[in-house]
């Protein structure tokens, strides 16, 4: 399940499991006793916590690489995610997960101070 944002507020890096890409897949599997996070929930809590970089792992093997990458980029754009996002694709090992960026973050608006 998604972590409580107050426990990692302002963290430079957050590693969070993200088994499901959408709520329908999550709901279908919750009935089977699999309480895992889905992408929109993870993006919401990371945004609330104002993290600098989100690294997603434990993505279900039900999704192929193209779907994972496309869906994450689409949701990040739709939600105007300001931080970096990396993902561990299903079935892979990474020496440096943080360098596997799928989202660069949306540029912040210049201040008029």
Protein backbone atom coordinates (compact mmCIF):
# COMPACT_ATOMS: atom_id res chain seq x y z
CA UNK A 1 0.00 0.00 0.00
CA UNK A 2 1.21 3.55 -0.48
CA UNK A 3 3.45 4.89 2.25
CA UNK A 4 2.39 7.79 4.47
CA UNK A 5 3.93 10.95 2.90
CA UNK A 6 4.68 12.50 6.30
CA UNK A 7 7.24 9.78 7.06
CA UNK A 8 9.48 10.84 4.15
CA UNK A 9 8.54 14.49 3.64
CA UNK A 10 11.23 16.36 1.71
CA UNK A 11 13.32 13.27 0.99
CA UNK A 12 15.78 13.54 -1.89
CA UNK A 13 15.04 9.97 -3.03
CA UNK A 14 12.06 7.70 -2.44
CA UNK A 15 12.03 4.03 -3.44
CA UNK A 16 8.43 2.79 -3.58
CA UNK A 17 6.87 -0.42 -4.84
CA UNK A 18 4.43 0.11 -7.69
CA UNK A 19 3.00 -3.25 -8.63
CA UNK A 20 -0.01 -2.00 -10.59
CA UNK A 21 -0.31 0.65 -13.27
CA UNK A 22 -4.01 1.29 -12.72
CA UNK A 23 -6.70 1.00 -10.08
CA UNK A 24 -8.65 -1.72 -11.92
CA UNK A 25 -5.71 -4.14 -11.79
CA UNK A 26 -5.12 -3.25 -8.16
CA UNK A 27 -8.76 -3.86 -7.19
CA UNK A 28 -8.86 -7.17 -9.03
CA UNK A 29 -5.85 -8.43 -7.09
CA UNK A 30 -6.81 -6.95 -3.71
CA UNK A 31 -9.60 -9.51 -3.56
CA UNK A 32 -6.87 -12.17 -3.68
CA UNK A 33 -5.01 -10.71 -0.71
CA UNK A 34 -2.37 -8.76 -2.68
CA UNK A 35 -2.31 -5.28 -1.10
CA UNK A 36 0.14 -3.56 -3.45
CA UNK A 37 0.36 0.04 -4.65
CA UNK A 38 -0.75 1.43 -7.98
CA UNK A 39 0.91 4.22 -9.92
CA UNK A 40 -1.46 7.14 -9.28
CA UNK A 41 -1.40 6.53 -5.52
CA UNK A 42 2.40 6.42 -5.49
CA UNK A 43 2.68 9.60 -7.58
CA UNK A 44 0.20 11.34 -5.28
CA UNK A 45 2.06 10.51 -2.06
CA UNK A 46 5.45 11.37 -3.60
CA UNK A 47 4.05 14.72 -4.72
CA UNK A 48 2.57 15.41 -1.28
CA UNK A 49 5.92 14.58 0.30
CA UNK A 50 7.79 16.83 -2.16
CA UNK A 51 10.44 14.22 -2.97
CA UNK A 52 13.29 14.99 -5.34
CA UNK A 53 13.42 11.66 -7.15
CA UNK A 54 10.99 8.74 -7.15
CA UNK A 55 12.23 5.25 -8.03
CA UNK A 56 9.54 2.68 -8.73
CA UNK A 57 10.14 -1.04 -8.30
CA UNK A 58 8.21 -4.34 -8.04
CA UNK A 59 6.20 -3.62 -11.21
CA UNK A 60 4.04 -6.60 -12.16
CA UNK A 61 5.27 -8.86 -14.95
CA UNK A 62 1.77 -8.66 -16.45
CA UNK A 63 2.93 -5.44 -18.15
CA UNK A 64 5.41 -5.32 -21.03
CA UNK A 65 8.19 -2.73 -21.04
CA UNK A 66 6.54 -0.44 -23.59
CA UNK A 67 3.30 -0.30 -21.61
CA UNK A 68 5.15 0.45 -18.36
CA UNK A 69 7.18 3.28 -19.90
CA UNK A 70 4.27 4.78 -21.84
CA UNK A 71 1.85 4.63 -18.92
CA UNK A 72 4.27 6.17 -16.41
CA UNK A 73 5.16 9.00 -18.79
CA UNK A 74 1.50 9.62 -19.57
CA UNK A 75 0.46 9.77 -15.91
CA UNK A 76 3.44 11.97 -14.97
CA UNK A 77 2.53 14.41 -17.74
CA UNK A 78 -1.16 14.41 -16.83
CA UNK A 79 -0.38 15.02 -13.16
CA UNK A 80 2.37 17.56 -13.91
CA UNK A 81 4.88 15.65 -11.76
CA UNK A 82 7.74 18.02 -10.84
CA UNK A 83 10.34 15.42 -9.75
CA UNK A 84 12.49 12.80 -11.49
CA UNK A 85 10.98 9.32 -11.88
CA UNK A 86 12.91 6.09 -12.49
CA UNK A 87 11.51 2.60 -12.88
CA UNK A 88 12.85 -0.92 -12.50
CA UNK A 89 11.27 -2.78 -15.38
CA UNK A 90 9.87 -6.21 -14.51
CA UNK A 91 12.38 -9.05 -14.38
CA UNK A 92 15.48 -6.83 -14.47
CA UNK A 93 18.31 -6.11 -12.07
CA UNK A 94 19.89 -2.67 -11.93
CA UNK A 95 23.27 -1.50 -10.72
CA UNK A 96 21.99 2.09 -10.76
CA UNK A 97 18.20 2.32 -10.78
CA UNK A 98 18.24 6.09 -10.41
CA UNK A 99 19.92 6.51 -13.79
CA UNK A 100 17.04 4.67 -15.52
CA UNK A 101 14.87 7.79 -15.84
CA UNK A 102 11.45 7.65 -17.45
CA UNK A 103 10.43 11.17 -16.45
CA UNK A 104 12.59 14.28 -16.09
CA UNK A 105 10.04 16.29 -14.11
CA UNK A 106 8.14 19.29 -15.35
CA UNK A 107 10.07 22.54 -15.26
CA UNK A 108 8.92 24.86 -12.51
CA UNK A 109 7.58 28.24 -13.45
CA UNK A 110 10.08 31.08 -13.01
CA UNK A 111 9.46 33.17 -9.95
CA UNK A 112 8.42 36.81 -10.40
CA UNK A 113 10.16 37.89 -7.18
